[in-house]
Amino acid sequence: MVTVNGEGVNAAGKTVMQYIEEAGYNAQRVVVEKNLVILKKDELSTTVLEDGDTVEILNFVGGG
């Protein structure tokens, strides 16, 4: 089980990018922190989520 934004999700074994896309986020508009480390955009497709990981996804929204 992986904790994403405070909720337990079954995402172990997926890359961060896979999870972002499946969850409906726009990868160009998010910042991802995994286990207190902010990931670079090029790390999203290579970083694999593991049981016990804690992930925070910040989604930027424009407005005006």
PDB file of N, CA and C in Angstrom:
ATOM      1  N   MET A   1       0.835  -1.169   0.000  1.00  0.00           N
ATOM      2  CA  MET A   1       0.000   0.000   0.000  1.00  0.00           C
ATOM      3  C   MET A   1       0.887   1.242   0.000  1.00  0.00           C
ATOM      4  N   VAL A   2       0.544   2.193  -0.832  1.00  0.00           N
ATOM      5  CA  VAL A   2       1.259   3.462  -0.948  1.00  0.00           C
ATOM      6  C   VAL A   2       0.321   4.554  -0.434  1.00  0.00           C
ATOM      7  N   THR A   3       0.835   5.483   0.331  1.00  0.00           N
ATOM      8  CA  THR A   3       0.028   6.600   0.802  1.00  0.00           C
ATOM      9  C   THR A   3       0.219   7.772  -0.150  1.00  0.00           C
ATOM     10  N   VAL A   4      -0.878   8.181  -0.798  1.00  0.00           N
ATOM     11  CA  VAL A   4      -0.832   9.310  -1.738  1.00  0.00           C
ATOM     12  C   VAL A   4      -1.775  10.382  -1.213  1.00  0.00           C
ATOM     13  N   ASN A   5      -1.220  11.558  -0.939  1.00  0.00           N
ATOM     14  CA  ASN A   5      -1.992  12.682  -0.407  1.00  0.00           C
ATOM     15  C   ASN A   5      -2.851  12.252   0.783  1.00  0.00           C
ATOM     16  N   GLY A   6      -2.246  11.422   1.653  1.00  0.00           N
ATOM     17  CA  GLY A   6      -2.910  11.025   2.883  1.00  0.00           C
ATOM     18  C   GLY A   6      -3.845   9.830   2.786  1.00  0.00           C
ATOM     19  N   GLU A   7      -4.023   9.269   1.593  1.00  0.00           N
ATOM     20  CA  GLU A   7      -4.922   8.129   1.421  1.00  0.00           C
ATOM     21  C   GLU A   7      -4.151   6.902   0.936  1.00  0.00           C
ATOM     22  N   GLY A   8      -4.495   5.740   1.452  1.00  0.00           N
ATOM     23  CA  GLY A   8      -3.868   4.501   1.018  1.00  0.00           C
ATOM     24  C   GLY A   8      -4.378   4.084  -0.353  1.00  0.00           C
ATOM     25  N   VAL A   9      -3.463   3.826  -1.278  1.00  0.00           N
ATOM     26  CA  VAL A   9      -3.829   3.365  -2.617  1.00  0.00           C
ATOM     27  C   VAL A   9      -2.986   2.157  -2.991  1.00  0.00           C
ATOM     28  N   ASN A  10      -3.517   1.330  -3.855  1.00  0.00           N
ATOM     29  CA  ASN A  10      -2.823   0.129  -4.302  1.00  0.00           C
ATOM     30  C   ASN A  10      -2.022   0.481  -5.558  1.00  0.00           C
ATOM     31  N   ALA A  11      -0.852   1.094  -5.361  1.00  0.00           N
ATOM     32  CA  ALA A  11      -0.064   1.565  -6.489  1.00  0.00           C
ATOM     33  C   ALA A  11       1.348   0.986  -6.503  1.00  0.00           C
ATOM     34  N   ALA A  12       1.663   0.095  -5.584  1.00  0.00           N
ATOM     35  CA  ALA A  12       3.001  -0.492  -5.536  1.00  0.00           C
ATOM     36  C   ALA A  12       3.291  -1.226  -6.836  1.00  0.00           C
ATOM     37  N   GLY A  13       4.493  -1.026  -7.354  1.00  0.00           N
ATOM     38  CA  GLY A  13       4.906  -1.665  -8.606  1.00  0.00           C
ATOM     39  C   GLY A  13       4.705  -0.787  -9.830  1.00  0.00           C
ATOM     40  N   LYS A  14       3.962   0.289  -9.691  1.00  0.00           N
ATOM     41  CA  LYS A  14       3.753   1.220 -10.809  1.00  0.00           C
ATOM     42  C   LYS A  14       4.781   2.325 -10.739  1.00  0.00           C
ATOM     43  N   THR A  15       5.082   2.919 -11.891  1.00  0.00           N
ATOM     44  CA  THR A  15       5.929   4.113 -11.852  1.00  0.00           C
ATOM     45  C   THR A  15       5.060   5.283 -11.406  1.00  0.00           C
ATOM     46  N   VAL A  16       5.699   6.334 -10.954  1.00  0.00           N
ATOM     47  CA  VAL A  16       4.968   7.530 -10.554  1.00  0.00           C
ATOM     48  C   VAL A  16       4.155   8.051 -11.739  1.00  0.00           C
ATOM     49  N   MET A  17       4.734   8.042 -12.942  1.00  0.00           N
ATOM     50  CA  MET A  17       4.027   8.525 -14.130  1.00  0.00           C
ATOM     51  C   MET A  17       2.780   7.683 -14.401  1.00  0.00           C
ATOM     52  N   GLN A  18       2.894   6.378 -14.268  1.00  0.00           N
ATOM     53  CA  GLN A  18       1.728   5.511 -14.473  1.00  0.00           C
ATOM     54  C   GLN A  18       0.617   5.883 -13.503  1.00  0.00           C
ATOM     55  N   TYR A  19       0.978   6.077 -12.242  1.00  0.00           N
ATOM     56  CA  TYR A  19      -0.035   6.432 -11.252  1.00  0.00           C
ATOM     57  C   TYR A  19      -0.656   7.790 -11.575  1.00  0.00           C
ATOM     58  N   ILE A  20       0.166   8.770 -11.912  1.00  0.00           N
ATOM     59  CA  ILE A  20      -0.335  10.114 -12.231  1.00  0.00           C
ATOM     60  C   ILE A  20      -1.343  10.054 -13.374  1.00  0.00           C
ATOM     61  N   GLU A  21      -0.996   9.333 -14.431  1.00  0.00           N
ATOM     62  CA  GLU A  21      -1.890   9.238 -15.587  1.00  0.00           C
ATOM     63  C   GLU A  21      -3.185   8.509 -15.230  1.00  0.00           C
ATOM     64  N   GLU A  22      -3.080   7.397 -14.487  1.00  0.00           N
ATOM     65  CA  GLU A  22      -4.272   6.635 -14.100  1.00  0.00           C
ATOM     66  C   GLU A  22      -5.181   7.435 -13.175  1.00  0.00           C
ATOM     67  N   ALA A  23      -4.596   8.303 -12.358  1.00  0.00           N
ATOM     68  CA  ALA A  23      -5.381   9.096 -11.410  1.00  0.00           C
ATOM     69  C   ALA A  23      -5.974  10.342 -12.064  1.00  0.00           C
ATOM     70  N   GLY A  24      -5.602  10.605 -13.323  1.00  0.00           N
ATOM     71  CA  GLY A  24      -6.196  11.721 -14.048  1.00  0.00           C
ATOM     72  C   GLY A  24      -5.477  13.052 -13.903  1.00  0.00           C
ATOM     73  N   TYR A  25      -4.265  13.031 -13.389  1.00  0.00           N
ATOM     74  CA  TYR A  25      -3.482  14.265 -13.283  1.00  0.00           C
ATOM     75  C   TYR A  25      -2.827  14.592 -14.619  1.00  0.00           C
ATOM     76  N   ASN A  26      -2.590  15.871 -14.852  1.00  0.00           N
ATOM     77  CA  ASN A  26      -1.810  16.324 -15.996  1.00  0.00           C
ATOM     78  C   ASN A  26      -0.358  16.390 -15.532  1.00  0.00           C
ATOM     79  N   ALA A  27       0.496  15.552 -16.070  1.00  0.00           N
ATOM     80  CA  ALA A  27       1.884  15.446 -15.611  1.00  0.00           C
ATOM     81  C   ALA A  27       2.658  16.756 -15.764  1.00  0.00           C
ATOM     82  N   GLN A  28       2.220  17.609 -16.662  1.00  0.00           N
ATOM     83  CA  GLN A  28       2.903  18.886 -16.861  1.00  0.00           C
ATOM     84  C   GLN A  28       2.552  19.902 -15.775  1.00  0.00           C
ATOM     85  N   ARG A  29       1.502  19.612 -14.998  1.00  0.00           N
ATOM     86  CA  ARG A  29       1.017  20.582 -14.019  1.00  0.00           C
ATOM     87  C   ARG A  29       1.114  20.086 -12.585  1.00  0.00           C
ATOM     88  N   VAL A  30       1.987  19.108 -12.331  1.00  0.00           N
ATOM     89  CA  VAL A  30       2.120  18.588 -10.972  1.00  0.00           C
ATOM     90  C   VAL A  30       3.565  18.642 -10.488  1.00  0.00           C
ATOM     91  N   VAL A  31       3.691  18.660  -9.191  1.00  0.00           N
ATOM     92  CA  VAL A  31       4.972  18.459  -8.518  1.00  0.00           C
ATOM     93  C   VAL A  31       4.758  17.264  -7.609  1.00  0.00           C
ATOM     94  N   VAL A  32       5.712  16.344  -7.608  1.00  0.00           N
ATOM     95  CA  VAL A  32       5.567  15.111  -6.831  1.00  0.00           C
ATOM     96  C   VAL A  32       6.695  15.007  -5.816  1.00  0.00           C
ATOM     97  N   GLU A  33       6.299  14.722  -4.581  1.00  0.00           N
ATOM     98  CA  GLU A  33       7.249  14.479  -3.502  1.00  0.00           C
ATOM     99  C   GLU A  33       7.073  13.032  -3.070  1.00  0.00           C
ATOM    100  N   LYS A  34       8.160  12.275  -3.085  1.00  0.00           N
ATOM    101  CA  LYS A  34       8.129  10.869  -2.661  1.00  0.00           C
ATOM    102  C   LYS A  34       9.076  10.710  -1.489  1.00  0.00           C
ATOM    103  N   ASN A  35       8.532  10.292  -0.368  1.00  0.00           N
ATOM    104  CA  ASN A  35       9.340  10.097   0.846  1.00  0.00           C
ATOM    105  C   ASN A  35      10.196  11.324   1.167  1.00  0.00           C
ATOM    106  N   LEU A  36       9.546  12.489   1.104  1.00  0.00           N
ATOM    107  CA  LEU A  36      10.140  13.791   1.444  1.00  0.00           C
ATOM    108  C   LEU A  36      11.173  14.303   0.444  1.00  0.00           C
ATOM    109  N   VAL A  37      11.253  13.702  -0.738  1.00  0.00           N
ATOM    110  CA  VAL A  37      12.177  14.154  -1.780  1.00  0.00           C
ATOM    111  C   VAL A  37      11.364  14.552  -3.004  1.00  0.00           C
ATOM    112  N   ILE A  38      11.572  15.784  -3.487  1.00  0.00           N
ATOM    113  CA  ILE A  38      10.857  16.239  -4.672  1.00  0.00           C
ATOM    114  C   ILE A  38      11.496  15.597  -5.905  1.00  0.00           C
ATOM    115  N   LEU A  39      10.655  14.977  -6.734  1.00  0.00           N
ATOM    116  CA  LEU A  39      11.143  14.308  -7.939  1.00  0.00           C
ATOM    117  C   LEU A  39      11.224  15.285  -9.104  1.00  0.00           C
ATOM    118  N   LYS A  40      12.271  15.122  -9.911  1.00  0.00           N
ATOM    119  CA  LYS A  40      12.385  15.894 -11.145  1.00  0.00           C
ATOM    120  C   LYS A  40      11.449  15.286 -12.175  1.00  0.00           C
ATOM    121  N   LYS A  41      11.033  16.079 -13.142  1.00  0.00           N
ATOM    122  CA  LYS A  41      10.082  15.603 -14.164  1.00  0.00           C
ATOM    123  C   LYS A  41      10.599  14.342 -14.863  1.00  0.00           C
ATOM    124  N   ASP A  42      11.902  14.279 -15.155  1.00  0.00           N
ATOM    125  CA  ASP A  42      12.425  13.106 -15.867  1.00  0.00           C
ATOM    126  C   ASP A  42      12.518  11.859 -14.978  1.00  0.00           C
ATOM    127  N   GLU A  43      12.314  12.011 -13.680  1.00  0.00           N
ATOM    128  CA  GLU A  43      12.327  10.863 -12.768  1.00  0.00           C
ATOM    129  C   GLU A  43      10.949  10.213 -12.626  1.00  0.00           C
ATOM    130  N   LEU A  44       9.897  10.889 -13.078  1.00  0.00           N
ATOM    131  CA  LEU A  44       8.540  10.372 -12.891  1.00  0.00           C
ATOM    132  C   LEU A  44       8.327   9.045 -13.607  1.00  0.00           C
ATOM    133  N   SER A  45       8.933   8.865 -14.789  1.00  0.00           N
ATOM    134  CA  SER A  45       8.723   7.614 -15.530  1.00  0.00           C
ATOM    135  C   SER A  45       9.656   6.492 -15.097  1.00  0.00           C
ATOM    136  N   THR A  46      10.650   6.797 -14.285  1.00  0.00           N
ATOM    137  CA  THR A  46      11.593   5.757 -13.878  1.00  0.00           C
ATOM    138  C   THR A  46      11.499   5.398 -12.396  1.00  0.00           C
ATOM    139  N   THR A  47      10.810   6.213 -11.619  1.00  0.00           N
ATOM    140  CA  THR A  47      10.690   5.961 -10.183  1.00  0.00           C
ATOM    141  C   THR A  47       9.510   5.033  -9.927  1.00  0.00           C
ATOM    142  N   VAL A  48       9.797   3.880  -9.330  1.00  0.00           N
ATOM    143  CA  VAL A  48       8.763   2.872  -9.056  1.00  0.00           C
ATOM    144  C   VAL A  48       8.288   3.024  -7.615  1.00  0.00           C
ATOM    145  N   LEU A  49       6.977   3.009  -7.448  1.00  0.00           N
ATOM    146  CA  LEU A  49       6.385   3.094  -6.114  1.00  0.00           C
ATOM    147  C   LEU A  49       6.473   1.740  -5.418  1.00  0.00           C
ATOM    148  N   GLU A  50       6.775   1.780  -4.117  1.00  0.00           N
ATOM    149  CA  GLU A  50       6.904   0.557  -3.327  1.00  0.00           C
ATOM    150  C   GLU A  50       5.995   0.642  -2.107  1.00  0.00           C
ATOM    151  N   ASP A  51       5.617  -0.534  -1.582  1.00  0.00           N
ATOM    152  CA  ASP A  51       4.816  -0.558  -0.357  1.00  0.00           C
ATOM    153  C   ASP A  51       5.499   0.286   0.715  1.00  0.00           C
ATOM    154  N   GLY A  52       4.712   1.111   1.393  1.00  0.00           N
ATOM    155  CA  GLY A  52       5.242   1.944   2.471  1.00  0.00           C
ATOM    156  C   GLY A  52       5.654   3.332   2.033  1.00  0.00           C
ATOM    157  N   ASP A  53       5.711   3.588   0.720  1.00  0.00           N
ATOM    158  CA  ASP A  53       6.067   4.929   0.242  1.00  0.00           C
ATOM    159  C   ASP A  53       4.977   5.926   0.606  1.00  0.00           C
ATOM    160  N   THR A  54       5.401   7.161   0.828  1.00  0.00           N
ATOM    161  CA  THR A  54       4.482   8.269   1.047  1.00  0.00           C
ATOM    162  C   THR A  54       4.702   9.272  -0.073  1.00  0.00           C
ATOM    163  N   VAL A  55       3.623   9.604  -0.782  1.00  0.00           N
ATOM    164  CA  VAL A  55       3.708  10.481  -1.950  1.00  0.00           C
ATOM    165  C   VAL A  55       2.739  11.645  -1.770  1.00  0.00           C
ATOM    166  N   GLU A  56       3.211  12.830  -2.081  1.00  0.00           N
ATOM    167  CA  GLU A  56       2.351  14.013  -2.123  1.00  0.00           C
ATOM    168  C   GLU A  56       2.377  14.531  -3.548  1.00  0.00           C
ATOM    169  N   ILE A  57       1.204  14.776  -4.110  1.00  0.00           N
ATOM    170  CA  ILE A  57       1.099  15.311  -5.460  1.00  0.00           C
ATOM    171  C   ILE A  57       0.423  16.665  -5.361  1.00  0.00           C
ATOM    172  N   LEU A  58       1.127  17.687  -5.812  1.00  0.00           N
ATOM    173  CA  LEU A  58       0.567  19.034  -5.858  1.00  0.00           C
ATOM    174  C   LEU A  58       0.187  19.322  -7.284  1.00  0.00           C
ATOM    175  N   ASN A  59      -1.073  19.678  -7.481  1.00  0.00           N
ATOM    176  CA  ASN A  59      -1.615  19.931  -8.809  1.00  0.00           C
ATOM    177  C   ASN A  59      -1.855  21.425  -8.964  1.00  0.00           C
ATOM    178  N   PHE A  60      -1.179  22.067  -9.910  1.00  0.00           N
ATOM    179  CA  PHE A  60      -1.327  23.496 -10.111  1.00  0.00           C
ATOM    180  C   PHE A  60      -2.506  23.771 -11.031  1.00  0.00           C
ATOM    181  N   VAL A  61      -3.326  24.729 -10.632  1.00  0.00           N
ATOM    182  CA  VAL A  61      -4.522  25.066 -11.382  1.00  0.00           C
ATOM    183  C   VAL A  61      -4.484  26.556 -11.690  1.00  0.00           C
ATOM    184  N   GLY A  62      -4.710  26.898 -12.968  1.00  0.00           N
ATOM    185  CA  GLY A  62      -4.747  28.305 -13.345  1.00  0.00           C
ATOM    186  C   GLY A  62      -6.118  28.893 -13.058  1.00  0.00           C
ATOM    187  N   GLY A  63      -6.173  30.157 -12.965  1.00  0.00           N
ATOM    188  CA  GLY A  63      -7.449  30.834 -12.712  1.00  0.00           C
ATOM    189  C   GLY A  63      -7.324  32.301 -13.021  1.00  0.00           C
ATOM    190  N   GLY A  64      -8.409  32.947 -12.944  1.00  0.00           N
ATOM    191  CA  GLY A  64      -8.303  34.383 -13.189  1.00  0.00           C
ATOM    192  C   GLY A  64      -9.637  35.017 -13.364  1.00  0.00           C
TER     193      GLY A  64
END
